[in-house]
Amino acid sequence: MNHTHASLVRHEFYKAVWFYLRVVWPIFSVLLVLIVLFGLIIGYLEGWALTDGIYFAFVTGLTIGYGELVPKLAMSRVLAILLGFNGVLMTAIFAAISIRAIEIAVHVRERGKE
């Protein structure tokens, strides 16, 4: 594969990611807002700084889980579980978009071989 063709394939990949991200943006944005909202609520309940609550929400939602912030209250823990499900759904949507974009880019690559 020459440099020009590789550049075309990358361009098609990014174009497809952008297209499908715009399609699912209403869902994706609701999931992002929920992560921030849950983070603010958990931060308030636990007495953390607001930025710590949001940080905790994204670390939990993206299933990273560093462990330096741990909710102690039952309600915070329930919200943290919901954050985990929310984050898995958000990650799955982004993975599906990426896989579809790869399929499109590979199709462009195979068309280029003809």
N, C-alpha and C. Protein backbone atom coordinates (compact mmCIF):
# COMPACT_ATOMS: atom_id res chain seq x y z
N MET A 1 0.86 -1.17 0.00
CA MET A 1 0.00 0.00 0.00
C MET A 1 0.90 1.23 0.00
N ASN A 2 0.68 2.10 -0.97
CA ASN A 2 1.52 3.29 -1.03
C ASN A 2 0.98 4.37 -0.07
N HIS A 3 1.78 5.40 0.09
CA HIS A 3 1.47 6.46 1.05
C HIS A 3 0.16 7.17 0.71
N THR A 4 -0.09 7.42 -0.56
CA THR A 4 -1.30 8.12 -0.98
C THR A 4 -2.54 7.30 -0.67
N HIS A 5 -2.45 5.99 -0.95
CA HIS A 5 -3.59 5.11 -0.68
C HIS A 5 -3.84 5.00 0.83
N ALA A 6 -2.78 4.89 1.60
CA ALA A 6 -2.92 4.82 3.06
C ALA A 6 -3.56 6.09 3.59
N SER A 7 -3.18 7.20 3.03
CA SER A 7 -3.77 8.47 3.44
C SER A 7 -5.26 8.50 3.11
N LEU A 8 -5.64 7.97 1.98
CA LEU A 8 -7.05 7.91 1.58
C LEU A 8 -7.84 7.03 2.55
N VAL A 9 -7.28 5.89 2.92
CA VAL A 9 -7.95 4.98 3.84
C VAL A 9 -8.15 5.64 5.19
N ARG A 10 -7.10 6.32 5.70
CA ARG A 10 -7.24 7.04 6.97
C ARG A 10 -8.31 8.12 6.87
N HIS A 11 -8.31 8.83 5.76
CA HIS A 11 -9.30 9.89 5.56
C HIS A 11 -10.71 9.31 5.59
N GLU A 12 -10.92 8.19 4.92
CA GLU A 12 -12.24 7.54 4.91
C GLU A 12 -12.63 7.06 6.31
N PHE A 13 -11.66 6.57 7.07
CA PHE A 13 -11.93 6.13 8.44
C PHE A 13 -12.42 7.30 9.28
N TYR A 14 -11.68 8.40 9.27
CA TYR A 14 -12.06 9.56 10.09
C TYR A 14 -13.38 10.17 9.61
N LYS A 15 -13.59 10.16 8.31
CA LYS A 15 -14.85 10.68 7.78
C LYS A 15 -16.03 9.83 8.27
N ALA A 16 -15.86 8.52 8.29
CA ALA A 16 -16.92 7.62 8.76
C ALA A 16 -17.15 7.78 10.26
N VAL A 17 -16.06 7.91 11.03
CA VAL A 17 -16.21 8.12 12.48
C VAL A 17 -17.01 9.39 12.72
N TRP A 18 -16.66 10.46 12.03
CA TRP A 18 -17.35 11.73 12.20
C TRP A 18 -18.82 11.61 11.82
N PHE A 19 -19.11 10.92 10.72
CA PHE A 19 -20.49 10.74 10.27
C PHE A 19 -21.32 10.00 11.32
N TYR A 20 -20.83 8.85 11.77
CA TYR A 20 -21.59 8.05 12.72
C TYR A 20 -21.64 8.68 14.11
N LEU A 21 -20.63 9.43 14.47
CA LEU A 21 -20.67 10.14 15.75
C LEU A 21 -21.77 11.20 15.72
N ARG A 22 -21.94 11.86 14.58
CA ARG A 22 -23.04 12.82 14.46
C ARG A 22 -24.39 12.12 14.53
N VAL A 23 -24.48 10.91 14.01
CA VAL A 23 -25.75 10.15 14.06
C VAL A 23 -26.12 9.82 15.50
N VAL A 24 -25.17 9.35 16.28
CA VAL A 24 -25.47 8.92 17.65
C VAL A 24 -25.23 10.03 18.68
N TRP A 25 -24.89 11.23 18.22
CA TRP A 25 -24.56 12.30 19.16
C TRP A 25 -25.66 12.56 20.19
N PRO A 26 -26.95 12.55 19.83
CA PRO A 26 -27.96 12.78 20.87
C PRO A 26 -27.87 11.76 22.02
N ILE A 27 -27.65 10.51 21.69
CA ILE A 27 -27.51 9.47 22.72
C ILE A 27 -26.21 9.65 23.48
N PHE A 28 -25.13 9.85 22.74
CA PHE A 28 -23.81 9.99 23.34
C PHE A 28 -23.76 11.20 24.28
N SER A 29 -24.37 12.30 23.87
CA SER A 29 -24.34 13.50 24.71
C SER A 29 -25.15 13.30 25.98
N VAL A 30 -26.27 12.58 25.90
CA VAL A 30 -27.05 12.28 27.12
C VAL A 30 -26.20 11.45 28.08
N LEU A 31 -25.48 10.48 27.55
CA LEU A 31 -24.63 9.65 28.41
C LEU A 31 -23.53 10.48 29.07
N LEU A 32 -22.94 11.40 28.32
CA LEU A 32 -21.91 12.29 28.89
C LEU A 32 -22.50 13.19 29.98
N VAL A 33 -23.68 13.73 29.72
CA VAL A 33 -24.33 14.59 30.72
C VAL A 33 -24.64 13.79 31.97
N LEU A 34 -25.09 12.55 31.80
CA LEU A 34 -25.38 11.70 32.97
C LEU A 34 -24.12 11.44 33.79
N ILE A 35 -23.01 11.22 33.13
CA ILE A 35 -21.76 11.00 33.86
C ILE A 35 -21.42 12.23 34.70
N VAL A 36 -21.50 13.41 34.09
CA VAL A 36 -21.19 14.64 34.83
C VAL A 36 -22.20 14.84 35.96
N LEU A 37 -23.48 14.64 35.68
CA LEU A 37 -24.52 14.83 36.69
C LEU A 37 -24.33 13.87 37.87
N PHE A 38 -24.12 12.59 37.56
CA PHE A 38 -23.87 11.63 38.64
C PHE A 38 -22.62 11.99 39.42
N GLY A 39 -21.60 12.47 38.72
CA GLY A 39 -20.37 12.88 39.40
C GLY A 39 -20.61 14.04 40.36
N LEU A 40 -21.40 15.00 39.91
CA LEU A 40 -21.73 16.13 40.78
C LEU A 40 -22.54 15.69 42.00
N ILE A 41 -23.50 14.80 41.78
CA ILE A 41 -24.31 14.30 42.89
C ILE A 41 -23.46 13.51 43.88
N ILE A 42 -22.64 12.61 43.36
CA ILE A 42 -21.78 11.80 44.24
C ILE A 42 -20.80 12.70 44.99
N GLY A 43 -20.21 13.66 44.29
CA GLY A 43 -19.30 14.59 44.95
C GLY A 43 -19.98 15.36 46.07
N TYR A 44 -21.21 15.78 45.82
CA TYR A 44 -21.96 16.51 46.86
C TYR A 44 -22.27 15.60 48.04
N LEU A 45 -22.77 14.38 47.77
CA LEU A 45 -23.11 13.45 48.84
C LEU A 45 -21.89 13.07 49.68
N GLU A 46 -20.77 12.89 49.02
CA GLU A 46 -19.57 12.44 49.72
C GLU A 46 -18.77 13.59 50.33
N GLY A 47 -19.13 14.83 50.00
CA GLY A 47 -18.40 15.98 50.52
C GLY A 47 -17.10 16.24 49.79
N TRP A 48 -17.00 15.76 48.56
CA TRP A 48 -15.81 15.98 47.74
C TRP A 48 -15.95 17.30 47.00
N ALA A 49 -14.85 17.79 46.49
CA ALA A 49 -14.89 18.94 45.59
C ALA A 49 -15.64 18.53 44.32
N LEU A 50 -16.30 19.49 43.68
CA LEU A 50 -17.06 19.16 42.48
C LEU A 50 -16.19 18.54 41.40
N THR A 51 -14.97 19.04 41.26
CA THR A 51 -14.07 18.47 40.25
C THR A 51 -13.68 17.04 40.59
N ASP A 52 -13.57 16.73 41.88
CA ASP A 52 -13.28 15.35 42.28
C ASP A 52 -14.45 14.43 41.94
N GLY A 53 -15.66 14.93 42.12
CA GLY A 53 -16.84 14.13 41.78
C GLY A 53 -16.90 13.83 40.29
N ILE A 54 -16.62 14.84 39.47
CA ILE A 54 -16.64 14.64 38.02
C ILE A 54 -15.50 13.71 37.61
N TYR A 55 -14.33 13.92 38.21
CA TYR A 55 -13.18 13.03 37.92
C TYR A 55 -13.53 11.59 38.28
N PHE A 56 -14.12 11.38 39.47
CA PHE A 56 -14.52 10.05 39.90
C PHE A 56 -15.51 9.44 38.90
N ALA A 57 -16.45 10.26 38.43
CA ALA A 57 -17.47 9.76 37.52
C ALA A 57 -16.86 9.26 36.21
N PHE A 58 -15.92 10.01 35.65
CA PHE A 58 -15.31 9.57 34.39
C PHE A 58 -14.39 8.38 34.60
N VAL A 59 -13.65 8.36 35.70
CA VAL A 59 -12.77 7.22 35.98
C VAL A 59 -13.61 5.96 36.20
N THR A 60 -14.73 6.10 36.87
CA THR A 60 -15.62 4.95 37.09
C THR A 60 -16.35 4.57 35.81
N GLY A 61 -16.90 5.57 35.12
CA GLY A 61 -17.67 5.30 33.91
C GLY A 61 -16.84 4.67 32.80
N LEU A 62 -15.59 5.04 32.72
CA LEU A 62 -14.71 4.45 31.71
C LEU A 62 -14.04 3.17 32.21
N THR A 63 -14.48 2.68 33.35
CA THR A 63 -14.03 1.45 34.01
C THR A 63 -12.53 1.42 34.24
N ILE A 64 -11.97 2.58 34.54
CA ILE A 64 -10.54 2.65 34.88
C ILE A 64 -10.36 2.31 36.35
N GLY A 65 -11.05 3.04 37.22
CA GLY A 65 -11.08 2.73 38.64
C GLY A 65 -9.75 2.79 39.36
N TYR A 66 -9.16 3.97 39.47
CA TYR A 66 -7.88 4.10 40.16
C TYR A 66 -7.99 3.79 41.65
N GLY A 67 -9.12 4.11 42.26
CA GLY A 67 -9.33 3.76 43.67
C GLY A 67 -8.96 4.83 44.67
N GLU A 68 -8.49 6.00 44.23
CA GLU A 68 -8.14 7.03 45.22
C GLU A 68 -9.37 7.74 45.77
N LEU A 69 -10.48 7.69 45.05
CA LEU A 69 -11.76 8.21 45.55
C LEU A 69 -12.72 7.03 45.62
N VAL A 70 -13.24 6.78 46.82
CA VAL A 70 -14.13 5.65 47.02
C VAL A 70 -15.38 6.14 47.74
N PRO A 71 -16.56 5.94 47.15
CA PRO A 71 -17.78 6.38 47.83
C PRO A 71 -18.06 5.53 49.06
N LYS A 72 -18.48 6.18 50.12
CA LYS A 72 -18.77 5.48 51.39
C LYS A 72 -20.27 5.28 51.60
N LEU A 73 -21.08 6.20 51.08
CA LEU A 73 -22.52 6.14 51.30
C LEU A 73 -23.18 5.17 50.34
N ALA A 74 -24.27 4.55 50.80
CA ALA A 74 -24.98 3.56 49.98
C ALA A 74 -25.51 4.20 48.69
N MET A 75 -26.08 5.39 48.78
CA MET A 75 -26.62 6.05 47.60
C MET A 75 -25.51 6.36 46.59
N SER A 76 -24.37 6.77 47.08
CA SER A 76 -23.23 7.05 46.19
C SER A 76 -22.76 5.79 45.49
N ARG A 77 -22.80 4.70 46.21
CA ARG A 77 -22.37 3.42 45.62
C ARG A 77 -23.35 2.95 44.55
N VAL A 78 -24.63 3.16 44.77
CA VAL A 78 -25.64 2.80 43.76
C VAL A 78 -25.42 3.65 42.51
N LEU A 79 -25.19 4.95 42.70
CA LEU A 79 -24.93 5.83 41.57
C LEU A 79 -23.64 5.42 40.85
N ALA A 80 -22.64 4.96 41.60
CA ALA A 80 -21.39 4.51 40.99
C ALA A 80 -21.62 3.28 40.12
N ILE A 81 -22.51 2.40 40.56
CA ILE A 81 -22.85 1.22 39.75
C ILE A 81 -23.54 1.66 38.46
N LEU A 82 -24.47 2.60 38.58
CA LEU A 82 -25.14 3.13 37.39
C LEU A 82 -24.15 3.82 36.46
N LEU A 83 -23.17 4.49 37.05
CA LEU A 83 -22.11 5.11 36.25
C LEU A 83 -21.36 4.06 35.44
N GLY A 84 -21.08 2.94 36.06
CA GLY A 84 -20.38 1.87 35.37
C GLY A 84 -21.15 1.37 34.17
N PHE A 85 -22.46 1.12 34.35
CA PHE A 85 -23.29 0.67 33.23
C PHE A 85 -23.35 1.73 32.13
N ASN A 86 -23.50 2.98 32.55
CA ASN A 86 -23.54 4.09 31.61
C ASN A 86 -22.23 4.16 30.80
N GLY A 87 -21.12 4.04 31.48
CA GLY A 87 -19.82 4.10 30.82
C GLY A 87 -19.59 2.95 29.86
N VAL A 88 -20.04 1.76 30.25
CA VAL A 88 -19.91 0.60 29.36
C VAL A 88 -20.73 0.82 28.09
N LEU A 89 -21.94 1.36 28.25
CA LEU A 89 -22.78 1.65 27.08
C LEU A 89 -22.13 2.70 26.19
N MET A 90 -21.58 3.75 26.79
CA MET A 90 -20.92 4.80 26.02
C MET A 90 -19.70 4.24 25.28
N THR A 91 -18.92 3.43 25.95
CA THR A 91 -17.74 2.82 25.33
C THR A 91 -18.16 1.88 24.19
N ALA A 92 -19.23 1.13 24.40
CA ALA A 92 -19.71 0.21 23.36
C ALA A 92 -20.17 0.97 22.12
N ILE A 93 -20.83 2.10 22.33
CA ILE A 93 -21.27 2.91 21.18
C ILE A 93 -20.06 3.41 20.41
N PHE A 94 -19.06 3.90 21.12
CA PHE A 94 -17.87 4.40 20.43
C PHE A 94 -17.11 3.27 19.73
N ALA A 95 -17.06 2.10 20.36
CA ALA A 95 -16.40 0.95 19.72
C ALA A 95 -17.15 0.53 18.46
N ALA A 96 -18.48 0.53 18.51
CA ALA A 96 -19.27 0.17 17.33
C ALA A 96 -19.03 1.16 16.19
N ILE A 97 -18.95 2.45 16.52
CA ILE A 97 -18.66 3.46 15.50
C ILE A 97 -17.29 3.20 14.89
N SER A 98 -16.32 2.91 15.71
CA SER A 98 -14.96 2.68 15.22
C SER A 98 -14.89 1.44 14.33
N ILE A 99 -15.57 0.39 14.73
CA ILE A 99 -15.57 -0.84 13.93
C ILE A 99 -16.23 -0.59 12.58
N ARG A 100 -17.35 0.12 12.58
CA ARG A 100 -18.02 0.43 11.31
C ARG A 100 -17.12 1.28 10.42
N ALA A 101 -16.41 2.24 11.02
CA ALA A 101 -15.51 3.08 10.24
C ALA A 101 -14.36 2.26 9.66
N ILE A 102 -13.86 1.28 10.40
CA ILE A 102 -12.81 0.40 9.88
C ILE A 102 -13.35 -0.41 8.70
N GLU A 103 -14.58 -0.91 8.83
CA GLU A 103 -15.18 -1.66 7.73
C GLU A 103 -15.26 -0.80 6.46
N ILE A 104 -15.67 0.44 6.62
CA ILE A 104 -15.78 1.35 5.48
C ILE A 104 -14.39 1.61 4.88
N ALA A 105 -13.41 1.86 5.75
CA ALA A 105 -12.05 2.13 5.27
C ALA A 105 -11.47 0.93 4.54
N VAL A 106 -11.72 -0.28 5.04
CA VAL A 106 -11.22 -1.49 4.38
C VAL A 106 -11.89 -1.66 3.02
N HIS A 107 -13.18 -1.36 2.97
CA HIS A 107 -13.90 -1.44 1.69
C HIS A 107 -13.28 -0.48 0.68
N VAL A 108 -12.94 0.73 1.12
CA VAL A 108 -12.29 1.71 0.24
C VAL A 108 -10.94 1.17 -0.22
N ARG A 109 -10.21 0.54 0.70
CA ARG A 109 -8.91 -0.04 0.37
C ARG A 109 -9.06 -1.11 -0.70
N GLU A 110 -10.06 -1.98 -0.53
CA GLU A 110 -10.25 -3.07 -1.50
C GLU A 110 -10.72 -2.54 -2.85
N ARG A 111 -11.50 -1.48 -2.83
CA ARG A 111 -11.90 -0.85 -4.10
C ARG A 111 -10.69 -0.28 -4.80
N GLY A 112 -9.72 0.23 -4.02
CA GLY A 112 -8.51 0.80 -4.60
C GLY A 112 -7.62 -0.23 -5.26
N LYS A 113 -7.73 -1.49 -4.84
CA LYS A 113 -6.91 -2.56 -5.42
C LYS A 113 -7.42 -2.98 -6.79
N GLU A 114 -8.70 -2.70 -7.05
CA GLU A 114 -9.29 -3.13 -8.33
C GLU A 114 -8.78 -2.35 -9.50
